[in-house]
């Protein structure tokens, strides 16, 4: 059994100070999920769906708290959580060049626990992918 409850809803409050670069507001309020160790944040631009909807992809902006080493990709290992237990195979994704804009797709809806590795750092977070209505799934 997984100790920590998975997939709380995204925080809709103000982004951490270190994640605000590029936003015009002084205190931007954008849906986001902060890593458990506070080293990375996933800024969400719309609901995440699996499979992705026909009209929009899963847009996530990954922002690291500390500077990123050049040519250090963001490597993501994700497992779905069902009723407090891991389910299915581990899924691997890569964001070339490290934290930044991405379209991370998951094969099925549900709560996905992600282990993120980049520039010698590691953090974890949970993201919920909803069933895509546009594909009749």
N, C-alpha and C. Protein backbone atom coordinates (compact mmCIF):
# COMPACT_ATOMS: atom_id res chain seq x y z
N UNK A 1 0.85 -1.18 0.00
CA UNK A 1 0.00 0.00 0.00
C UNK A 1 0.89 1.24 0.00
N UNK A 2 0.50 2.23 -0.77
CA UNK A 2 1.27 3.47 -0.87
C UNK A 2 0.90 4.36 0.30
N UNK A 3 1.91 4.86 1.02
CA UNK A 3 1.69 5.59 2.26
C UNK A 3 0.97 6.92 2.06
N UNK A 4 1.37 7.70 1.08
CA UNK A 4 0.81 9.03 0.90
C UNK A 4 -0.37 8.99 -0.06
N UNK A 5 -1.49 9.64 0.26
CA UNK A 5 -2.63 9.62 -0.67
C UNK A 5 -2.24 10.22 -2.02
N UNK A 6 -2.59 9.55 -3.11
CA UNK A 6 -2.19 10.04 -4.42
C UNK A 6 -3.12 11.11 -4.99
N UNK A 7 -2.58 11.88 -5.88
CA UNK A 7 -3.31 12.81 -6.75
C UNK A 7 -4.20 13.83 -6.09
N UNK A 8 -3.66 14.63 -5.20
CA UNK A 8 -4.47 15.76 -4.76
C UNK A 8 -4.70 16.68 -5.96
N UNK A 9 -5.76 17.50 -5.93
CA UNK A 9 -5.98 18.40 -7.07
C UNK A 9 -4.84 19.40 -7.19
N UNK A 10 -4.62 19.93 -8.39
CA UNK A 10 -3.56 20.93 -8.56
C UNK A 10 -3.81 22.14 -7.66
N UNK A 11 -2.74 22.75 -7.21
CA UNK A 11 -2.81 24.00 -6.46
C UNK A 11 -3.19 25.09 -7.45
N UNK A 12 -4.18 25.89 -7.15
CA UNK A 12 -4.60 26.96 -8.04
C UNK A 12 -4.19 28.32 -7.49
N UNK A 13 -3.30 28.30 -6.51
CA UNK A 13 -2.82 29.54 -5.91
C UNK A 13 -1.63 30.10 -6.67
N UNK A 14 -0.92 31.00 -6.01
CA UNK A 14 0.21 31.70 -6.60
C UNK A 14 1.38 30.74 -6.78
N UNK A 15 2.03 30.84 -7.94
CA UNK A 15 3.21 30.03 -8.22
C UNK A 15 4.35 30.39 -7.26
N UNK A 16 5.24 29.43 -6.97
CA UNK A 16 6.43 29.78 -6.19
C UNK A 16 7.21 30.89 -6.91
N UNK A 17 7.88 31.73 -6.14
CA UNK A 17 8.63 32.87 -6.70
C UNK A 17 9.57 32.42 -7.80
N UNK A 18 10.27 31.31 -7.60
CA UNK A 18 11.27 30.85 -8.56
C UNK A 18 10.66 30.28 -9.84
N UNK A 19 9.32 30.12 -9.90
CA UNK A 19 8.66 29.55 -11.08
C UNK A 19 7.88 30.60 -11.88
N UNK A 20 8.05 31.88 -11.57
CA UNK A 20 7.23 32.93 -12.18
C UNK A 20 7.82 33.57 -13.44
N UNK A 21 9.02 33.22 -13.81
CA UNK A 21 9.65 33.82 -14.99
C UNK A 21 8.77 33.61 -16.22
N UNK A 22 8.55 34.69 -16.97
CA UNK A 22 7.76 34.61 -18.19
C UNK A 22 6.29 34.94 -18.00
N UNK A 23 5.82 35.04 -16.78
CA UNK A 23 4.43 35.41 -16.52
C UNK A 23 4.35 36.92 -16.31
N UNK A 24 3.34 37.56 -16.88
CA UNK A 24 3.23 39.02 -16.80
C UNK A 24 2.70 39.48 -15.44
N UNK A 25 1.89 38.67 -14.78
CA UNK A 25 1.38 39.06 -13.47
C UNK A 25 2.49 38.98 -12.43
N UNK A 26 2.39 39.82 -11.42
CA UNK A 26 3.39 39.82 -10.36
C UNK A 26 3.27 38.56 -9.48
N UNK A 27 2.02 38.12 -9.27
CA UNK A 27 1.75 36.93 -8.46
C UNK A 27 0.80 36.02 -9.25
N UNK A 28 1.33 35.35 -10.28
CA UNK A 28 0.46 34.56 -11.15
C UNK A 28 -0.18 33.36 -10.44
N UNK A 29 -1.48 33.20 -10.68
CA UNK A 29 -2.22 32.06 -10.16
C UNK A 29 -2.53 31.15 -11.33
N UNK A 30 -1.84 30.03 -11.36
CA UNK A 30 -1.95 29.06 -12.45
C UNK A 30 -2.00 27.67 -11.82
N UNK A 31 -2.84 26.76 -12.33
CA UNK A 31 -2.83 25.41 -11.77
C UNK A 31 -1.43 24.79 -11.86
N UNK A 32 -0.97 24.25 -10.74
CA UNK A 32 0.37 23.67 -10.71
C UNK A 32 0.47 22.61 -9.63
N UNK A 33 1.46 21.75 -9.79
CA UNK A 33 1.76 20.72 -8.79
C UNK A 33 3.23 20.83 -8.46
N UNK A 34 3.51 21.04 -7.20
CA UNK A 34 4.88 21.17 -6.71
C UNK A 34 5.41 19.78 -6.35
N UNK A 35 6.66 19.50 -6.73
CA UNK A 35 7.29 18.24 -6.36
C UNK A 35 7.35 18.08 -4.85
N UNK A 36 7.38 16.85 -4.40
CA UNK A 36 7.38 16.57 -2.95
C UNK A 36 8.57 17.20 -2.22
N UNK A 37 9.71 17.30 -2.91
CA UNK A 37 10.89 17.92 -2.29
C UNK A 37 11.01 19.40 -2.62
N UNK A 38 10.06 19.94 -3.37
CA UNK A 38 10.07 21.36 -3.70
C UNK A 38 11.14 21.77 -4.71
N UNK A 39 11.64 20.80 -5.49
CA UNK A 39 12.71 21.07 -6.45
C UNK A 39 12.21 21.37 -7.86
N UNK A 40 10.94 21.04 -8.14
CA UNK A 40 10.39 21.22 -9.48
C UNK A 40 8.89 21.48 -9.35
N UNK A 41 8.34 22.17 -10.33
CA UNK A 41 6.90 22.39 -10.38
C UNK A 41 6.41 22.07 -11.79
N UNK A 42 5.23 21.43 -11.86
CA UNK A 42 4.56 21.18 -13.13
C UNK A 42 3.44 22.21 -13.24
N UNK A 43 3.57 23.13 -14.19
CA UNK A 43 2.55 24.14 -14.42
C UNK A 43 1.64 23.61 -15.51
N UNK A 44 0.35 23.50 -15.20
CA UNK A 44 -0.60 22.83 -16.08
C UNK A 44 -1.41 23.85 -16.88
N UNK A 45 -1.46 23.66 -18.19
CA UNK A 45 -2.24 24.51 -19.07
C UNK A 45 -3.41 23.70 -19.61
N UNK A 46 -4.44 23.55 -18.79
CA UNK A 46 -5.61 22.74 -19.13
C UNK A 46 -5.57 21.40 -18.42
N UNK A 47 -6.69 20.68 -18.54
CA UNK A 47 -6.77 19.35 -17.93
C UNK A 47 -5.89 18.38 -18.69
N UNK A 48 -5.30 17.45 -17.97
CA UNK A 48 -4.52 16.39 -18.58
C UNK A 48 -5.47 15.25 -18.92
N UNK A 49 -5.38 14.73 -20.14
CA UNK A 49 -6.28 13.65 -20.55
C UNK A 49 -5.49 12.49 -21.14
N UNK A 50 -6.09 11.31 -21.00
CA UNK A 50 -5.49 10.10 -21.57
C UNK A 50 -6.60 9.27 -22.19
N UNK A 51 -6.47 8.88 -23.43
CA UNK A 51 -5.47 9.43 -24.35
C UNK A 51 -5.72 10.93 -24.55
N UNK A 52 -4.73 11.65 -25.10
CA UNK A 52 -4.91 13.10 -25.26
C UNK A 52 -6.12 13.38 -26.16
N UNK A 53 -6.79 14.49 -25.91
CA UNK A 53 -7.96 14.84 -26.71
C UNK A 53 -7.53 15.22 -28.13
N UNK A 54 -8.47 15.15 -29.04
CA UNK A 54 -8.19 15.47 -30.44
C UNK A 54 -7.85 16.94 -30.63
N UNK A 55 -8.43 17.81 -29.80
CA UNK A 55 -8.28 19.25 -30.02
C UNK A 55 -7.21 19.92 -29.16
N UNK A 56 -6.64 19.22 -28.21
CA UNK A 56 -5.60 19.84 -27.37
C UNK A 56 -4.70 18.77 -26.78
N UNK A 57 -3.42 19.09 -26.70
CA UNK A 57 -2.47 18.16 -26.08
C UNK A 57 -2.36 18.43 -24.59
N UNK A 58 -1.59 17.63 -23.93
CA UNK A 58 -1.35 17.81 -22.50
C UNK A 58 -0.16 18.74 -22.32
N UNK A 59 -0.46 19.99 -22.06
CA UNK A 59 0.60 21.00 -21.97
C UNK A 59 1.04 21.18 -20.52
N UNK A 60 2.31 20.86 -20.28
CA UNK A 60 2.92 21.00 -18.96
C UNK A 60 4.21 21.78 -19.13
N UNK A 61 4.37 22.83 -18.32
CA UNK A 61 5.64 23.55 -18.26
C UNK A 61 6.33 23.11 -16.98
N UNK A 62 7.47 22.44 -17.14
CA UNK A 62 8.27 21.99 -15.99
C UNK A 62 9.27 23.09 -15.66
N UNK A 63 9.29 23.52 -14.39
CA UNK A 63 10.22 24.56 -13.96
C UNK A 63 11.00 24.03 -12.77
N UNK A 64 12.33 24.00 -12.90
CA UNK A 64 13.21 23.55 -11.82
C UNK A 64 13.56 24.74 -10.92
N UNK A 65 13.68 24.48 -9.65
CA UNK A 65 14.00 25.54 -8.69
C UNK A 65 15.40 26.08 -8.90
N UNK A 66 16.33 25.20 -9.16
CA UNK A 66 17.73 25.61 -9.32
C UNK A 66 18.14 25.49 -10.79
N UNK A 67 19.19 26.20 -11.18
CA UNK A 67 19.63 26.15 -12.59
C UNK A 67 19.86 24.72 -13.07
N UNK A 68 19.61 24.53 -14.35
CA UNK A 68 19.74 23.22 -14.98
C UNK A 68 21.07 23.14 -15.71
N UNK A 69 21.74 22.00 -15.59
CA UNK A 69 22.96 21.77 -16.35
C UNK A 69 22.62 21.66 -17.84
N UNK A 70 23.44 22.25 -18.70
CA UNK A 70 23.17 22.13 -20.14
C UNK A 70 23.15 20.66 -20.59
N UNK A 71 22.31 20.37 -21.55
CA UNK A 71 22.19 19.03 -22.15
C UNK A 71 21.79 17.95 -21.15
N UNK A 72 21.07 18.35 -20.11
CA UNK A 72 20.59 17.39 -19.11
C UNK A 72 19.08 17.23 -19.28
N UNK A 73 18.67 16.14 -19.92
CA UNK A 73 17.25 15.90 -20.16
C UNK A 73 16.50 15.69 -18.85
N UNK A 74 15.20 15.96 -18.88
CA UNK A 74 14.31 15.60 -17.78
C UNK A 74 13.80 14.21 -18.08
N UNK A 75 14.10 13.26 -17.21
CA UNK A 75 13.67 11.88 -17.41
C UNK A 75 12.55 11.57 -16.41
N UNK A 76 11.46 11.05 -16.94
CA UNK A 76 10.27 10.79 -16.14
C UNK A 76 9.97 9.30 -16.16
N UNK A 77 9.82 8.73 -14.97
CA UNK A 77 9.34 7.36 -14.80
C UNK A 77 8.01 7.47 -14.07
N UNK A 78 6.95 6.89 -14.64
CA UNK A 78 5.62 7.05 -14.06
C UNK A 78 4.93 5.71 -13.90
N UNK A 79 4.22 5.56 -12.77
CA UNK A 79 3.39 4.37 -12.55
C UNK A 79 2.02 4.82 -12.10
N UNK A 80 1.03 4.14 -12.60
CA UNK A 80 -0.34 4.46 -12.23
C UNK A 80 -0.65 3.88 -10.86
N UNK A 81 -1.45 4.61 -10.09
CA UNK A 81 -1.87 4.17 -8.76
C UNK A 81 -3.37 3.90 -8.81
N UNK A 82 -3.74 2.69 -8.38
CA UNK A 82 -5.14 2.29 -8.32
C UNK A 82 -5.42 1.74 -6.93
N UNK A 83 -6.37 2.33 -6.22
CA UNK A 83 -6.75 1.89 -4.87
C UNK A 83 -5.54 1.77 -3.95
N UNK A 84 -4.63 2.73 -4.05
CA UNK A 84 -3.49 2.77 -3.14
C UNK A 84 -2.33 1.85 -3.49
N UNK A 85 -2.39 1.21 -4.66
CA UNK A 85 -1.32 0.29 -5.09
C UNK A 85 -0.87 0.65 -6.50
N UNK A 86 0.39 0.38 -6.78
CA UNK A 86 0.88 0.56 -8.15
C UNK A 86 0.20 -0.45 -9.06
N UNK A 87 -0.10 -0.01 -10.28
CA UNK A 87 -0.79 -0.86 -11.24
C UNK A 87 -0.13 -0.73 -12.60
N UNK A 88 0.10 -1.84 -13.25
CA UNK A 88 0.66 -1.82 -14.60
C UNK A 88 2.16 -1.55 -14.62
N UNK A 89 2.63 -1.36 -15.84
CA UNK A 89 4.06 -1.17 -16.07
C UNK A 89 4.47 0.28 -15.85
N UNK A 90 5.74 0.45 -15.60
CA UNK A 90 6.32 1.80 -15.52
C UNK A 90 6.40 2.37 -16.94
N UNK A 91 6.01 3.62 -17.07
CA UNK A 91 6.05 4.33 -18.35
C UNK A 91 7.19 5.33 -18.27
N UNK A 92 7.99 5.43 -19.33
CA UNK A 92 9.12 6.35 -19.35
C UNK A 92 8.91 7.44 -20.40
N UNK A 93 9.20 8.67 -20.02
CA UNK A 93 9.10 9.81 -20.92
C UNK A 93 10.34 10.67 -20.74
N UNK A 94 10.68 11.46 -21.77
CA UNK A 94 11.84 12.35 -21.70
C UNK A 94 11.45 13.72 -22.25
N UNK A 95 11.88 14.75 -21.54
CA UNK A 95 11.77 16.12 -22.04
C UNK A 95 13.19 16.52 -22.43
N UNK A 96 13.44 16.58 -23.74
CA UNK A 96 14.78 16.90 -24.23
C UNK A 96 15.23 18.27 -23.73
N UNK A 97 16.48 18.33 -23.27
CA UNK A 97 17.05 19.59 -22.82
C UNK A 97 16.73 19.95 -21.38
N UNK A 98 15.96 19.11 -20.70
CA UNK A 98 15.66 19.36 -19.29
C UNK A 98 14.31 19.99 -19.09
N UNK A 99 14.02 20.41 -17.85
CA UNK A 99 12.72 21.01 -17.56
C UNK A 99 12.42 22.16 -18.52
N UNK A 100 11.16 22.22 -18.97
CA UNK A 100 10.70 23.23 -19.91
C UNK A 100 9.34 22.81 -20.42
N UNK A 101 8.90 23.35 -21.55
CA UNK A 101 7.59 23.00 -22.09
C UNK A 101 7.56 21.56 -22.59
N UNK A 102 6.41 20.92 -22.41
CA UNK A 102 6.29 19.53 -22.84
C UNK A 102 4.84 19.18 -23.12
N UNK A 103 4.66 18.03 -23.70
CA UNK A 103 3.34 17.43 -23.90
C UNK A 103 3.42 16.00 -23.43
N UNK A 104 3.40 15.77 -22.14
CA UNK A 104 3.58 14.43 -21.59
C UNK A 104 2.26 13.66 -21.66
N UNK A 105 2.27 12.59 -22.43
CA UNK A 105 1.09 11.76 -22.62
C UNK A 105 1.22 10.48 -21.79
N UNK A 106 0.12 10.03 -21.23
CA UNK A 106 0.06 8.75 -20.52
C UNK A 106 -0.91 7.85 -21.28
N UNK A 107 -0.70 6.53 -21.22
CA UNK A 107 -1.51 5.62 -22.03
C UNK A 107 -2.97 5.47 -21.59
N UNK A 108 -3.24 5.62 -20.30
CA UNK A 108 -4.60 5.47 -19.79
C UNK A 108 -4.86 6.52 -18.71
N UNK A 109 -6.13 6.83 -18.46
CA UNK A 109 -6.45 7.79 -17.41
C UNK A 109 -6.12 7.23 -16.03
N UNK A 110 -6.00 8.14 -15.07
CA UNK A 110 -5.78 7.74 -13.69
C UNK A 110 -4.74 8.63 -13.03
N UNK A 111 -4.38 8.23 -11.84
CA UNK A 111 -3.36 8.94 -11.06
C UNK A 111 -2.00 8.35 -11.40
N UNK A 112 -1.09 9.21 -11.83
CA UNK A 112 0.25 8.77 -12.20
C UNK A 112 1.28 9.38 -11.25
N UNK A 113 2.02 8.50 -10.57
CA UNK A 113 3.11 8.95 -9.69
C UNK A 113 4.37 9.02 -10.54
N UNK A 114 4.94 10.21 -10.61
CA UNK A 114 6.09 10.46 -11.48
C UNK A 114 7.35 10.71 -10.66
N UNK A 115 8.40 10.00 -11.03
CA UNK A 115 9.73 10.28 -10.50
C UNK A 115 10.46 11.04 -11.59
N UNK A 116 10.95 12.21 -11.25
CA UNK A 116 11.57 13.13 -12.20
C UNK A 116 13.06 13.25 -11.88
N UNK A 117 13.90 13.09 -12.91
CA UNK A 117 15.35 13.18 -12.73
C UNK A 117 15.93 14.11 -13.78
N UNK A 118 16.77 15.06 -13.34
CA UNK A 118 17.41 16.03 -14.23
C UNK A 118 18.59 16.65 -13.51
N UNK A 119 19.63 16.97 -14.22
CA UNK A 119 20.79 17.71 -13.68
C UNK A 119 21.26 17.20 -12.32
N UNK A 120 21.25 15.88 -12.11
CA UNK A 120 21.69 15.31 -10.84
C UNK A 120 20.68 15.46 -9.71
N UNK A 121 19.47 15.90 -10.02
CA UNK A 121 18.43 16.07 -9.01
C UNK A 121 17.30 15.07 -9.25
N UNK A 122 16.51 14.85 -8.19
CA UNK A 122 15.36 13.97 -8.27
C UNK A 122 14.23 14.55 -7.44
N UNK A 123 13.01 14.44 -7.93
CA UNK A 123 11.83 14.83 -7.17
C UNK A 123 10.68 13.94 -7.63
N UNK A 124 9.57 13.96 -6.92
CA UNK A 124 8.40 13.16 -7.25
C UNK A 124 7.15 14.01 -7.15
N UNK A 125 6.17 13.67 -7.99
CA UNK A 125 4.86 14.30 -7.87
C UNK A 125 3.82 13.40 -8.51
N UNK A 126 2.56 13.66 -8.20
CA UNK A 126 1.44 12.89 -8.75
C UNK A 126 0.62 13.78 -9.65
N UNK A 127 0.25 13.28 -10.83
CA UNK A 127 -0.61 14.01 -11.75
C UNK A 127 -1.79 13.13 -12.15
N UNK A 128 -2.99 13.72 -12.16
CA UNK A 128 -4.17 12.99 -12.57
C UNK A 128 -4.48 13.28 -14.04
N UNK A 129 -4.61 12.20 -14.80
CA UNK A 129 -5.03 12.27 -16.19
C UNK A 129 -6.47 11.78 -16.25
N UNK A 130 -7.35 12.59 -16.82
CA UNK A 130 -8.76 12.25 -16.93
C UNK A 130 -9.02 11.56 -18.28
N UNK A 131 -10.12 10.83 -18.33
CA UNK A 131 -10.51 10.16 -19.58
C UNK A 131 -10.87 11.22 -20.61
N UNK A 132 -10.36 11.07 -21.80
CA UNK A 132 -10.62 12.02 -22.87
C UNK A 132 -12.00 11.78 -23.46
N UNK A 133 -12.84 12.81 -23.44
CA UNK A 133 -14.20 12.69 -23.99
C UNK A 133 -14.19 12.71 -25.51
N UNK A 134 -13.21 13.39 -26.10
CA UNK A 134 -13.22 13.58 -27.54
C UNK A 134 -12.88 12.33 -28.33
N UNK A 135 -12.35 11.31 -27.68
CA UNK A 135 -12.00 10.08 -28.40
C UNK A 135 -12.98 8.96 -28.12
N UNK A 136 -14.03 9.31 -27.38
CA UNK A 136 -15.03 8.29 -27.07
C UNK A 136 -14.55 7.23 -26.11
N UNK A 137 -13.48 7.55 -25.38
CA UNK A 137 -12.92 6.56 -24.45
C UNK A 137 -13.71 6.49 -23.18
